[in-house]
């Protein structure tokens, strides 16, 4: 039997990955520096409306924008803000 049965409660790889990712975002929101904390908080809010994968895609786009002005950032500038 390769497919899950209705009594199988084993989490999928996707569910495990999302759980780990959410934990990392929550930790960053609480303990990260200002830029990382705000980006993590924004991403966590988006998870509820657009889903985990879409929220991460948006986070990847947002980290290339200045956290205060929204202006585009080069890779090196992004690394200065977000590490």
Foldseek 3Di string as FASTA:
>chain_A
DPDDDPPDPDDDPVVVVLVVVLVVLVCCLVPNPPLSNVLSVQLVVVCVPPNNVVSVVVSVVQLQAPSPPRHGHDPVRSVVRVD
